[in-house]
């Protein structure tokens, strides 16, 4: 019965849409002047839910702790989402009806003529995800993590924050006390997530980095049968799997290397886009799809290390801290701290006039991408800079990007997704830490490393953090060179009327901007590729007529010769 999705409505009149278009376990009812229906897609029977709850999902299948829920209370409809944002929840209002669903694609069936939300597109181009509560579709909204949306009346939704990440007034200064408490919290977080398991094996995505290695070690200590899965990008880039092999050997667990060759990546591109539901532009998503695909052949539950960076101030916070200190001392500088933070996403912010066609550019002129960051960086919740950055990482990069996409990819393969770092007691405890215990000199995640240094090989614990080395630029400039001519074809882009037709060639030549060089070339192209594939395969847009006047039609070596001749 797990995992599943749901779609339903709440309104003044009964709708036959669900019975006609959707097969699945169905539940219906009435309260006061309102009626409701819910269809559980992928279920053969209605799940057992608490009183007044008509729909809910837990990412990991632990049904005493839901990640999204739909409740009816005293003639009110309530849509809610957990603070970690592991499962998405969408809604749209059509006449006298509020429709809600755990997948955007399900709500697309309700809207007669769906249109792209230009503001959502712009947010995506800045962050590589669509900022909540927007979605990429007009009139469809996402429930923000840690929020409930409440209707007493069909036409007037109210929004209520149910959780805020807040810095504690008292800070833990003693390193030994912090280490002891953290070890207990980490063990408890895993024990809660394995309590319902019998004798079945579970999978863990093992990159060889600190966070996933900790999860693997704790699962082994808890006595769970564990199989680890890691990515193999071949000879391109800096391989990470030797570290995963070292951890697997240390823990004495089997390790499966998943082939993330360009051929497999290309074959999985469209299935990944469909599984993600929303457009996500990070290059890691397709390799993660392949991991889920292989793991699903051997297990029904997958564990990951997602969330560790957000909790323990990973992701190279040092430049932002320096920027924050400098801004405090020089408040009249042209670029403020929030602008500096916005730059950490490394996307198209600042290049709008060169990216969008004039009509779209005119529509986004009144938008300020910084506004999507203000709440997350609100100093009233976290006065100290490091905790403010951690709050922002939880709310932005975690709840709107990393966690929902991990769950979506797992669900597409029938997997429950469990993230031990998404533990509320553990997360709240981290907001008691003094800044020095998170960032000790130049050492990030210091207290976490101290807590686990006896659980794993020293080289794994203390090696410098690196993100997953997805070789996007190499793929785009070599293996996918001709494919870019199809995915980002000038004729298609021209007929879509969003991006300039020659945008892809501007990126590969370095003419778009000085910061889009090296790895940023691949990241920028990938962002556009994932949007275009979502636009075609999820949104359902018909492709325009292709143009044959673009550099990708030639072999890259010949095009480079042509470029040299031109100059």
Protein backbone atom coordinates (compact mmCIF):
# COMPACT_ATOMS: atom_id res chain seq x y z
CA UNK A 1 0.00 0.00 0.00
CA UNK A 2 2.98 2.31 0.30
CA UNK A 3 4.03 4.70 -1.15
CA UNK A 4 1.01 6.45 -2.63
CA UNK A 5 -0.24 9.88 -3.68
CA UNK A 6 -3.61 11.51 -3.23
CA UNK A 7 -5.90 14.02 -4.91
CA UNK A 8 -9.09 15.41 -3.47
CA UNK A 9 -11.41 18.38 -3.21
CA UNK A 10 -13.49 20.29 -0.67
CA UNK A 11 -16.38 22.41 -1.85
CA UNK A 12 -20.04 23.27 -1.98
CA UNK A 13 -20.95 20.76 -4.69
CA UNK A 14 -19.98 17.16 -5.38
CA UNK A 15 -17.67 16.62 -8.35
CA UNK A 16 -17.66 13.51 -10.53
CA UNK A 17 -14.16 14.18 -11.81
CA UNK A 18 -12.41 11.81 -9.44
CA UNK A 19 -14.64 8.84 -10.23
CA UNK A 20 -14.32 9.41 -13.96
CA UNK A 21 -10.59 10.08 -14.25
CA UNK A 22 -8.81 8.49 -11.30
CA UNK A 23 -8.66 4.88 -10.16
CA UNK A 24 -7.67 4.09 -6.60
CA UNK A 25 -8.97 3.75 -3.08
CA UNK A 26 -11.70 6.37 -2.60
CA UNK A 27 -13.12 8.06 0.45
CA UNK A 28 -15.84 10.70 0.60
CA UNK A 29 -17.95 12.58 3.08
CA UNK A 30 -19.80 15.77 4.01
CA UNK A 31 -19.60 18.25 6.84
CA UNK A 32 -22.02 21.13 7.17
CA UNK A 33 -22.50 22.76 3.78
CA UNK A 34 -19.29 21.29 2.35
CA UNK A 35 -18.59 17.95 0.68
CA UNK A 36 -15.26 16.25 0.03
CA UNK A 37 -13.72 13.36 -1.89
CA UNK A 38 -10.21 11.90 -1.82
CA UNK A 39 -8.66 9.31 -4.14
CA UNK A 40 -5.47 7.58 -2.97
CA UNK A 41 -3.49 6.89 -6.13
CA UNK A 42 -1.45 3.70 -5.79
CA UNK A 43 -3.54 2.34 -2.90
CA UNK A 44 -5.79 -0.71 -2.98
CA UNK A 45 -7.39 0.33 0.31
CA UNK A 46 -7.87 3.53 2.26
CA UNK A 47 -4.99 4.12 4.72
CA UNK A 48 -5.79 4.23 8.43
CA UNK A 49 -5.65 7.87 9.52
CA UNK A 50 -6.36 9.82 12.68
CA UNK A 51 -9.79 11.26 13.34
CA UNK A 52 -10.68 14.24 11.11
CA UNK A 53 -7.68 13.51 8.83
CA UNK A 54 -8.84 12.68 5.32
CA UNK A 55 -5.42 12.41 3.63
CA UNK A 56 -1.80 12.19 4.78
CA UNK A 57 1.60 10.90 3.68
CA UNK A 58 4.75 9.93 5.54
CA UNK A 59 7.89 9.91 3.37
CA UNK A 60 9.30 6.90 5.16
CA UNK A 61 6.05 5.09 5.83
CA UNK A 62 6.11 5.79 9.57
CA UNK A 63 2.42 6.49 10.10
CA UNK A 64 2.55 8.13 13.49
CA UNK A 65 4.48 11.06 12.04
CA UNK A 66 3.06 12.47 8.81
CA UNK A 67 4.90 14.88 6.52
CA UNK A 68 1.76 16.31 4.88
CA UNK A 69 -1.85 16.12 6.00
CA UNK A 70 -5.36 17.25 5.09
CA UNK A 71 -7.81 17.68 7.98
CA UNK A 72 -11.40 18.77 8.46
CA UNK A 73 -12.17 20.59 11.69
CA UNK A 74 -15.38 22.48 12.52
CA UNK A 75 -16.29 23.13 8.91
CA UNK A 76 -12.71 24.13 8.04
CA UNK A 77 -10.28 22.60 5.56
CA UNK A 78 -6.66 22.47 6.75
CA UNK A 79 -3.66 21.59 4.57
CA UNK A 80 -0.40 21.17 6.49
CA UNK A 81 3.23 20.39 5.82
CA UNK A 82 6.04 19.34 8.14
CA UNK A 83 8.94 21.75 8.80
CA UNK A 84 11.50 19.60 6.94
CA UNK A 85 9.46 19.63 3.70
CA UNK A 86 10.03 16.00 2.76
CA UNK A 87 6.71 15.63 0.89
CA UNK A 88 5.11 18.24 -1.35
CA UNK A 89 1.49 19.38 -1.05
CA UNK A 90 -0.32 21.50 -3.66
CA UNK A 91 -3.65 23.25 -3.95
CA UNK A 92 -5.70 25.23 -6.43
CA UNK A 93 -9.03 26.98 -6.20
CA UNK A 94 -11.46 26.45 -9.05
CA UNK A 95 -14.82 28.18 -8.59
CA UNK A 96 -16.44 26.93 -5.41
CA UNK A 97 -13.94 24.12 -4.92
CA UNK A 98 -10.49 23.80 -3.33
CA UNK A 99 -8.54 20.98 -4.97
CA UNK A 100 -5.48 19.51 -3.22
CA UNK A 101 -2.94 16.87 -4.19
CA UNK A 102 0.48 15.51 -3.27
CA UNK A 103 1.56 15.76 -6.92
CA UNK A 104 1.42 18.76 -9.22
CA UNK A 105 0.68 16.48 -12.16
CA UNK A 106 -2.57 15.37 -10.54
CA UNK A 107 -3.81 18.96 -10.31
CA UNK A 108 -2.89 19.66 -13.93
CA UNK A 109 -5.81 17.40 -14.83
CA UNK A 110 -8.19 19.73 -12.97
CA UNK A 111 -7.17 22.97 -14.72
CA UNK A 112 -8.82 23.46 -18.09
CA UNK A 113 -6.02 25.48 -19.72
CA UNK A 114 -2.90 25.46 -17.51
CA UNK A 115 -0.38 28.23 -18.04
CA UNK A 116 3.23 28.59 -16.93
CA UNK A 117 3.71 30.83 -13.92
CA UNK A 118 6.30 33.38 -15.07
CA UNK A 119 7.21 34.28 -11.50
CA UNK A 120 7.78 30.58 -10.77
CA UNK A 121 9.96 30.29 -13.88
CA UNK A 122 12.01 33.27 -12.76
CA UNK A 123 12.46 31.83 -9.28
CA UNK A 124 13.57 28.55 -10.81
CA UNK A 125 16.18 30.33 -12.91
CA UNK A 126 17.58 31.95 -9.75
CA UNK A 127 17.60 28.92 -7.42
CA UNK A 128 17.20 25.74 -9.55
CA UNK A 129 13.88 25.09 -7.76
CA UNK A 130 10.58 26.99 -7.76
CA UNK A 131 10.31 29.01 -4.51
CA UNK A 132 7.29 28.20 -2.33
CA UNK A 133 4.42 28.99 -2.27
CA UNK A 134 4.72 29.42 -6.04
CA UNK A 135 4.76 26.54 -8.47
CA UNK A 136 5.63 26.49 -12.14
CA UNK A 137 1.90 26.56 -13.01
CA UNK A 138 -0.47 29.51 -12.71
CA UNK A 139 -3.19 29.15 -10.05
CA UNK A 140 -1.47 26.17 -8.40
CA UNK A 141 0.30 26.81 -5.09
CA UNK A 142 2.53 24.81 -2.77
CA UNK A 143 2.01 24.61 0.97
CA UNK A 144 5.22 25.95 2.55
CA UNK A 145 7.11 23.72 4.96
CA UNK A 146 6.12 24.35 8.58
CA UNK A 147 2.83 25.94 7.49
CA UNK A 148 -0.89 25.20 7.47
CA UNK A 149 -3.32 26.71 4.95
CA UNK A 150 -6.83 27.03 6.39
CA UNK A 151 -10.17 27.67 4.70
CA UNK A 152 -13.17 28.71 6.72
CA UNK A 153 -14.60 30.11 3.53
CA UNK A 154 -13.79 28.81 0.04
CA UNK A 155 -12.54 32.18 -1.21
CA UNK A 156 -10.33 33.27 1.68
CA UNK A 157 -7.45 30.99 2.68
CA UNK A 158 -5.51 31.86 5.82
CA UNK A 159 -1.89 30.94 6.48
CA UNK A 160 -0.56 29.82 9.84
CA UNK A 161 3.06 29.11 10.74
CA UNK A 162 3.15 25.95 12.83
CA UNK A 163 6.91 25.81 13.28
CA UNK A 164 9.88 28.20 13.16
CA UNK A 165 13.58 27.35 13.34
CA UNK A 166 14.77 29.51 16.25
CA UNK A 167 18.12 29.96 17.94
CA UNK A 168 18.16 29.02 21.61
CA UNK A 169 18.81 31.78 24.14
CA UNK A 170 21.24 29.49 25.97
CA UNK A 171 24.21 28.07 24.05
CA UNK A 172 26.13 24.88 24.74
CA UNK A 173 29.78 25.87 25.13
CA UNK A 174 31.30 22.70 26.58
CA UNK A 175 32.60 20.44 23.81
CA UNK A 176 32.47 17.22 25.83
CA UNK A 177 28.86 17.80 26.87
CA UNK A 178 27.92 18.55 23.25
CA UNK A 179 29.64 15.39 21.98
CA UNK A 180 27.90 13.19 24.55
CA UNK A 181 24.45 14.66 23.88
CA UNK A 182 24.88 14.53 20.11
CA UNK A 183 25.86 10.86 20.13
CA UNK A 184 22.67 9.99 22.00
CA UNK A 185 20.51 12.11 19.69
CA UNK A 186 22.00 10.54 16.55
CA UNK A 187 21.46 7.01 17.84
CA UNK A 188 17.90 7.80 18.92
CA UNK A 189 17.09 9.34 15.53
CA UNK A 190 18.04 6.12 13.75
CA UNK A 191 16.44 3.82 16.34
CA UNK A 192 13.09 5.58 15.85
CA UNK A 193 13.30 5.04 12.10
CA UNK A 194 14.12 1.33 12.32
CA UNK A 195 11.68 0.46 15.12
CA UNK A 196 9.00 -0.78 12.69
CA UNK A 197 11.39 -2.91 10.61
CA UNK A 198 11.32 -6.67 10.98
CA UNK A 199 14.04 -8.67 9.24
CA UNK A 200 13.94 -7.03 5.84
CA UNK A 201 17.07 -5.42 4.38
CA UNK A 202 17.25 -1.68 3.92
CA UNK A 203 19.32 0.39 1.52
CA UNK A 204 21.49 3.39 2.22
CA UNK A 205 22.80 5.82 -0.38
CA UNK A 206 26.48 5.99 0.49
CA UNK A 207 28.54 8.72 -1.13
CA UNK A 208 31.52 8.23 1.18
CA UNK A 209 30.84 11.67 2.63
CA UNK A 210 30.39 12.22 6.35
CA UNK A 211 26.59 12.32 6.61
CA UNK A 212 25.70 9.21 4.64
CA UNK A 213 28.57 7.32 6.30
CA UNK A 214 27.19 8.19 9.75
CA UNK A 215 23.76 6.89 8.79
CA UNK A 216 25.26 3.65 7.47
CA UNK A 217 27.29 3.18 10.67
CA UNK A 218 24.27 3.76 12.90
CA UNK A 219 22.13 1.34 10.89
CA UNK A 220 24.77 -1.35 11.28
CA UNK A 221 25.02 -0.67 15.02
CA UNK A 222 21.22 -0.96 15.29
CA UNK A 223 21.44 -4.48 13.88
CA UNK A 224 19.70 -3.75 10.59
CA UNK A 225 20.59 -5.61 7.41
CA UNK A 226 22.13 -2.92 5.22
CA UNK A 227 23.01 -2.74 1.54
CA UNK A 228 24.82 0.37 0.36
CA UNK A 229 24.56 2.01 -3.08
CA UNK A 230 27.03 4.46 -4.56
CA UNK A 231 27.48 6.19 -7.91
CA UNK A 232 30.19 5.47 -10.45
CA UNK A 233 30.75 8.29 -12.96
CA UNK A 234 33.58 6.42 -14.66
CA UNK A 235 36.82 8.19 -15.47
CA UNK A 236 35.31 11.67 -15.63
CA UNK A 237 35.89 14.08 -12.76
CA UNK A 238 37.06 13.20 -9.26
CA UNK A 239 35.68 9.79 -8.22
CA UNK A 240 33.92 9.56 -4.85
CA UNK A 241 33.19 5.84 -4.79
CA UNK A 242 36.61 4.87 -3.35
CA UNK A 243 35.52 6.60 -0.14
CA UNK A 244 32.23 4.71 -0.19
CA UNK A 245 34.19 1.47 -0.68
CA UNK A 246 36.34 2.34 2.32
CA UNK A 247 33.28 2.91 4.52
CA UNK A 248 31.51 -0.24 3.31
CA UNK A 249 34.61 -2.34 4.00
CA UNK A 250 34.98 -0.77 7.45
CA UNK A 251 31.33 -1.53 8.30
CA UNK A 252 31.37 -4.93 6.57
CA UNK A 253 28.32 -4.23 4.40
CA UNK A 254 27.81 -4.99 0.68
CA UNK A 255 28.24 -2.06 -1.69
CA UNK A 256 26.61 -1.80 -5.10
CA UNK A 257 28.22 0.58 -7.60
CA UNK A 258 25.58 2.14 -9.85
CA UNK A 259 26.69 2.97 -13.38
CA UNK A 260 26.08 6.70 -13.95
CA UNK A 261 27.57 6.71 -17.45
CA UNK A 262 26.35 9.30 -19.97
CA UNK A 263 24.30 6.64 -21.74
CA UNK A 264 22.42 5.71 -18.57
CA UNK A 265 22.00 9.36 -17.61
CA UNK A 266 20.49 10.17 -20.99
CA UNK A 267 18.09 7.21 -20.83
CA UNK A 268 16.94 8.26 -17.35
CA UNK A 269 16.50 11.96 -18.11
CA UNK A 270 12.82 12.02 -19.05
CA UNK A 271 11.78 9.43 -16.41
CA UNK A 272 13.57 11.58 -13.81
CA UNK A 273 11.75 14.72 -14.92
CA UNK A 274 8.40 12.94 -14.64
CA UNK A 275 9.28 11.48 -11.24
CA UNK A 276 10.34 14.87 -9.86
CA UNK A 277 6.94 16.36 -10.76
CA UNK A 278 8.23 19.93 -10.32
CA UNK A 279 11.26 21.20 -12.25
CA UNK A 280 14.49 20.78 -10.29
CA UNK A 281 17.64 21.97 -12.03
CA UNK A 282 20.44 20.41 -9.96
CA UNK A 283 22.59 17.90 -11.81
CA UNK A 284 22.43 15.35 -9.01
CA UNK A 285 18.79 14.41 -9.65
CA UNK A 286 19.30 12.00 -12.57
CA UNK A 287 22.13 10.09 -10.84
CA UNK A 288 19.88 9.84 -7.76
CA UNK A 289 17.12 8.44 -9.97
CA UNK A 290 19.52 5.68 -11.04
CA UNK A 291 20.39 4.94 -7.40
CA UNK A 292 16.71 4.58 -6.53
CA UNK A 293 16.10 2.41 -9.58
CA UNK A 294 18.77 -0.10 -8.60
CA UNK A 295 17.94 -0.05 -4.88
CA UNK A 296 14.25 -0.71 -5.53
CA UNK A 297 15.13 -4.14 -6.93
CA UNK A 298 16.41 -5.24 -3.52
CA UNK A 299 14.61 -3.24 -0.82
CA UNK A 300 11.51 -1.18 -0.03
CA UNK A 301 13.14 1.33 2.34
CA UNK A 302 16.05 3.60 1.54
CA UNK A 303 18.02 5.71 4.02
CA UNK A 304 20.03 8.80 3.11
CA UNK A 305 22.23 11.37 4.81
CA UNK A 306 20.28 14.37 3.55
CA UNK A 307 19.92 17.15 6.10
CA UNK A 308 23.31 16.85 7.76
CA UNK A 309 24.71 19.88 5.99
CA UNK A 310 21.76 22.03 6.99
CA UNK A 311 21.91 20.98 10.64
CA UNK A 312 25.64 21.32 11.15
CA UNK A 313 26.56 24.31 8.97
CA UNK A 314 28.08 22.50 6.03
CA UNK A 315 28.27 23.92 2.49
CA UNK A 316 31.18 26.28 2.93
CA UNK A 317 29.67 28.98 5.11
CA UNK A 318 33.01 30.74 5.62
CA UNK A 319 32.68 33.17 2.64
CA UNK A 320 29.15 34.13 3.74
CA UNK A 321 30.28 34.70 7.31
CA UNK A 322 33.08 36.92 6.04
CA UNK A 323 30.57 38.79 3.86
CA UNK A 324 28.22 39.23 6.82
CA UNK A 325 30.97 40.61 9.05
CA UNK A 326 32.18 42.94 6.30
CA UNK A 327 28.66 44.17 5.61
CA UNK A 328 28.12 44.91 9.33
CA UNK A 329 31.28 47.00 9.39
CA UNK A 330 30.63 48.65 6.00
CA UNK A 331 26.82 48.98 5.74
CA UNK A 332 26.95 51.38 2.80
CA UNK A 333 28.52 48.93 0.39
CA UNK A 334 26.69 48.48 -2.91
CA UNK A 335 25.99 44.75 -2.44
CA UNK A 336 24.35 43.63 0.80
CA UNK A 337 24.50 40.32 2.63
CA UNK A 338 21.26 38.96 1.12
CA UNK A 339 22.62 39.62 -2.36
CA UNK A 340 25.77 37.73 -1.38
CA UNK A 341 23.62 34.84 -0.22
CA UNK A 342 21.67 34.89 -3.47
CA UNK A 343 24.91 34.49 -5.39
CA UNK A 344 25.61 31.18 -3.64
CA UNK A 345 22.99 29.53 -5.84
CA UNK A 346 25.18 30.20 -8.92
CA UNK A 347 22.29 30.47 -11.38
CA UNK A 348 20.92 33.15 -13.70
CA UNK A 349 20.25 35.89 -11.15
CA UNK A 350 21.79 39.07 -12.55
CA UNK A 351 21.63 37.84 -16.16
CA UNK A 352 17.90 38.34 -16.67
CA UNK A 353 18.13 40.78 -19.57
CA UNK A 354 20.36 38.38 -21.51
CA UNK A 355 18.36 35.24 -20.65
CA UNK A 356 14.70 36.17 -21.18
CA UNK A 357 12.91 37.42 -24.26
CA UNK A 358 11.69 41.05 -23.92
CA UNK A 359 8.07 40.20 -23.11
CA UNK A 360 9.07 37.90 -20.23
CA UNK A 361 11.75 40.29 -19.04
CA UNK A 362 9.13 43.04 -18.80
CA UNK A 363 6.92 40.80 -16.64
CA UNK A 364 9.66 40.05 -14.11
CA UNK A 365 10.91 43.64 -13.83
CA UNK A 366 8.92 44.20 -10.65
CA UNK A 367 10.26 41.05 -9.00
CA UNK A 368 13.14 40.98 -6.54
CA UNK A 369 14.55 37.49 -6.00
CA UNK A 370 15.89 38.62 -2.63
CA UNK A 371 12.31 38.75 -1.32
CA UNK A 372 12.19 34.94 -1.44
CA UNK A 373 15.10 34.85 1.04
CA UNK A 374 13.98 37.44 3.60
CA UNK A 375 11.97 35.18 5.92
CA UNK A 376 14.65 32.48 5.98
CA UNK A 377 17.35 35.03 6.83
CA UNK A 378 15.25 36.89 9.41
CA UNK A 379 17.61 37.82 12.24
CA UNK A 380 14.77 38.01 14.77
CA UNK A 381 14.61 34.18 14.81
CA UNK A 382 18.37 33.61 14.76
CA UNK A 383 20.40 36.62 15.94
CA UNK A 384 23.82 35.01 15.41
CA UNK A 385 25.00 34.77 11.82
CA UNK A 386 25.86 31.07 11.72
CA UNK A 387 22.48 29.98 13.08
CA UNK A 388 20.79 32.35 10.63
CA UNK A 389 22.62 30.64 7.78
CA UNK A 390 21.57 27.26 9.16
CA UNK A 391 17.94 28.38 9.36
CA UNK A 392 18.14 29.55 5.75
CA UNK A 393 19.66 26.26 4.61
CA UNK A 394 16.87 24.29 6.32
CA UNK A 395 14.13 26.46 4.82
CA UNK A 396 15.53 27.04 1.34
CA UNK A 397 18.01 24.43 0.17
CA UNK A 398 16.54 21.69 2.35
CA UNK A 399 12.76 22.05 2.51
CA UNK A 400 12.28 23.45 -1.00
CA UNK A 401 14.87 21.46 -2.88
CA UNK A 402 16.81 18.53 -1.40
CA UNK A 403 14.14 16.78 0.67
CA UNK A 404 11.11 16.94 -1.66
CA UNK A 405 13.10 15.80 -4.67
CA UNK A 406 14.64 12.89 -2.69
CA UNK A 407 11.17 11.72 -1.66
CA UNK A 408 9.74 12.14 -5.17
CA UNK A 409 12.52 10.03 -6.70
CA UNK A 410 12.08 7.33 -4.06
CA UNK A 411 8.30 7.25 -4.43
CA UNK A 412 8.62 6.85 -8.20
CA UNK A 413 10.33 3.53 -7.52
CA UNK A 414 8.04 2.38 -4.73
CA UNK A 415 10.54 3.22 -2.00
CA UNK A 416 9.96 4.73 1.40
CA UNK A 417 12.58 7.42 2.06
CA UNK A 418 14.01 7.87 5.55
CA UNK A 419 16.34 10.71 6.51
CA UNK A 420 17.60 10.37 10.10
CA UNK A 421 18.92 13.94 10.14
CA UNK A 422 15.31 15.08 9.69
CA UNK A 423 14.63 14.51 13.36
CA UNK A 424 12.99 17.38 15.23
CA UNK A 425 14.68 16.73 18.58
CA UNK A 426 18.08 16.58 16.89
CA UNK A 427 17.40 19.68 14.80
CA UNK A 428 16.20 21.74 17.75
CA UNK A 429 19.27 20.70 19.75
CA UNK A 430 21.59 22.04 17.03
CA UNK A 431 20.16 25.53 17.60
CA UNK A 432 21.62 25.36 21.12
CA UNK A 433 25.18 24.99 19.87
CA UNK A 434 27.69 27.81 20.14
CA UNK A 435 29.00 28.89 16.76
CA UNK A 436 32.51 27.67 17.59
CA UNK A 437 31.27 24.10 17.93
CA UNK A 438 29.80 24.18 14.40
CA UNK A 439 32.63 26.06 12.70
CA UNK A 440 35.88 25.48 14.59
CA UNK A 441 38.50 27.61 12.90
CA UNK A 442 38.42 26.42 9.29
CA UNK A 443 36.79 23.07 10.17
CA UNK A 444 33.11 22.91 9.27
CA UNK A 445 30.68 20.54 11.05
CA UNK A 446 33.27 20.26 13.81
CA UNK A 447 31.04 18.94 16.60
CA UNK A 448 29.50 16.30 14.34
CA UNK A 449 32.97 15.08 13.39
CA UNK A 450 34.02 14.96 17.03
CA UNK A 451 30.91 12.97 17.93
CA UNK A 452 31.48 10.26 15.32
CA UNK A 453 35.26 10.12 15.06
CA UNK A 454 35.33 6.67 16.67
CA UNK A 455 32.52 5.29 14.53
CA UNK A 456 34.23 5.64 11.13
CA UNK A 457 37.71 5.75 9.55
CA UNK A 458 39.54 8.97 10.41
CA UNK A 459 40.04 9.84 6.73
CA UNK A 460 36.27 9.78 6.17
CA UNK A 461 35.49 11.89 9.23
CA UNK A 462 38.07 14.61 8.80
CA UNK A 463 38.46 14.94 5.04
CA UNK A 464 37.39 18.22 3.49
CA UNK A 465 33.78 18.45 2.34
CA UNK A 466 33.12 18.20 -1.39
CA UNK A 467 29.78 18.21 -3.17
CA UNK A 468 28.83 15.29 -5.39
CA UNK A 469 31.07 15.61 -8.43
CA UNK A 470 28.49 15.28 -11.19
CA UNK A 471 30.46 15.97 -14.42
CA UNK A 472 27.80 18.13 -16.06
CA UNK A 473 30.12 20.30 -18.11
CA UNK A 474 31.98 17.29 -19.49
CA UNK A 475 28.71 15.60 -20.41
CA UNK A 476 27.26 18.70 -22.05
CA UNK A 477 30.36 19.62 -24.04
CA UNK A 478 31.10 16.06 -25.13
CA UNK A 479 28.57 13.22 -24.77
CA UNK A 480 25.43 15.41 -25.00
CA UNK A 481 26.72 18.00 -27.46
CA UNK A 482 24.33 17.05 -30.27
CA UNK A 483 21.49 16.42 -27.81
CA UNK A 484 21.69 20.01 -26.57
CA UNK A 485 20.82 21.01 -30.11
CA UNK A 486 17.53 19.14 -29.61
CA UNK A 487 16.82 19.89 -25.95
CA UNK A 488 17.67 23.60 -26.23
CA UNK A 489 17.01 24.04 -29.93
CA UNK A 490 16.82 27.71 -31.01
CA UNK A 491 13.63 27.11 -32.98
CA UNK A 492 11.89 25.53 -30.00
CA UNK A 493 13.09 28.23 -27.58
CA UNK A 494 11.92 30.89 -30.01
CA UNK A 495 8.41 29.44 -30.24
CA UNK A 496 8.20 28.97 -26.46
CA UNK A 497 8.80 32.73 -26.07
CA UNK A 498 10.59 32.46 -22.72
CA UNK A 499 14.34 32.26 -23.31
CA UNK A 500 16.42 33.81 -26.08
CA UNK A 501 16.85 31.26 -28.90
CA UNK A 502 20.66 31.36 -28.84
CA UNK A 503 20.96 31.06 -25.06
CA UNK A 504 22.68 27.65 -25.13
CA UNK A 505 25.34 28.78 -27.59
CA UNK A 506 25.87 31.97 -25.55
CA UNK A 507 26.60 29.77 -22.53
CA UNK A 508 29.04 27.38 -24.22
CA UNK A 509 31.01 30.24 -25.78
CA UNK A 510 31.28 32.06 -22.45
CA UNK A 511 29.53 35.10 -23.92
CA UNK A 512 26.62 35.12 -21.47
CA UNK A 513 28.68 36.20 -18.47
CA UNK A 514 32.08 36.06 -16.86
CA UNK A 515 31.03 33.88 -13.93
CA UNK A 516 29.51 31.18 -16.15
CA UNK A 517 32.72 29.32 -16.86
CA UNK A 518 34.03 25.83 -16.14
CA UNK A 519 31.58 23.82 -14.03
CA UNK A 520 29.03 26.66 -14.23
CA UNK A 521 28.63 26.01 -17.97
CA UNK A 522 27.27 22.54 -17.32
CA UNK A 523 25.13 23.69 -14.37
CA UNK A 524 23.54 26.46 -16.43
CA UNK A 525 22.82 24.23 -19.42
CA UNK A 526 21.41 21.54 -17.14
CA UNK A 527 19.06 24.02 -15.48
CA UNK A 528 17.62 24.90 -18.90
CA UNK A 529 17.49 21.28 -20.06
CA UNK A 530 15.49 20.17 -17.02
CA UNK A 531 13.04 23.05 -17.47
CA UNK A 532 12.52 22.32 -21.17
CA UNK A 533 11.96 18.61 -20.53
CA UNK A 534 9.53 19.41 -17.70
CA UNK A 535 7.71 21.87 -19.96
CA UNK A 536 7.30 19.19 -22.61
CA UNK A 537 6.83 15.95 -20.65
CA UNK A 538 5.03 17.09 -17.49
CA UNK A 539 3.33 20.35 -18.39
CA UNK A 540 2.47 18.90 -21.80
CA UNK A 541 3.55 21.71 -24.11
CA UNK A 542 3.85 20.90 -27.78
CA UNK A 543 7.31 21.43 -29.24
CA UNK A 544 7.85 24.12 -31.85
CA UNK A 545 9.62 23.63 -35.16
CA UNK A 546 13.32 22.89 -34.80
CA UNK A 547 16.00 25.08 -36.29
CA UNK A 548 19.14 23.66 -37.87
CA UNK A 549 21.11 26.85 -37.48
CA UNK A 550 23.06 26.29 -34.27
CA UNK A 551 26.56 25.10 -33.30
CA UNK A 552 25.41 21.78 -31.85
CA UNK A 553 24.60 20.38 -35.26
CA UNK A 554 28.34 20.22 -36.00
CA UNK A 555 30.86 18.01 -34.20
CA UNK A 556 32.29 20.09 -31.39
CA UNK A 557 35.85 19.90 -32.73
CA UNK A 558 34.68 21.24 -36.09
CA UNK A 559 32.66 24.00 -34.45
CA UNK A 560 35.72 25.05 -32.41
CA UNK A 561 37.76 25.22 -35.64
CA UNK A 562 35.04 27.35 -37.17
CA UNK A 563 35.12 29.65 -34.15
CA UNK A 564 38.87 30.09 -34.49
CA UNK A 565 38.48 30.88 -38.17
CA UNK A 566 35.81 33.48 -37.40
CA UNK A 567 38.06 35.26 -34.92
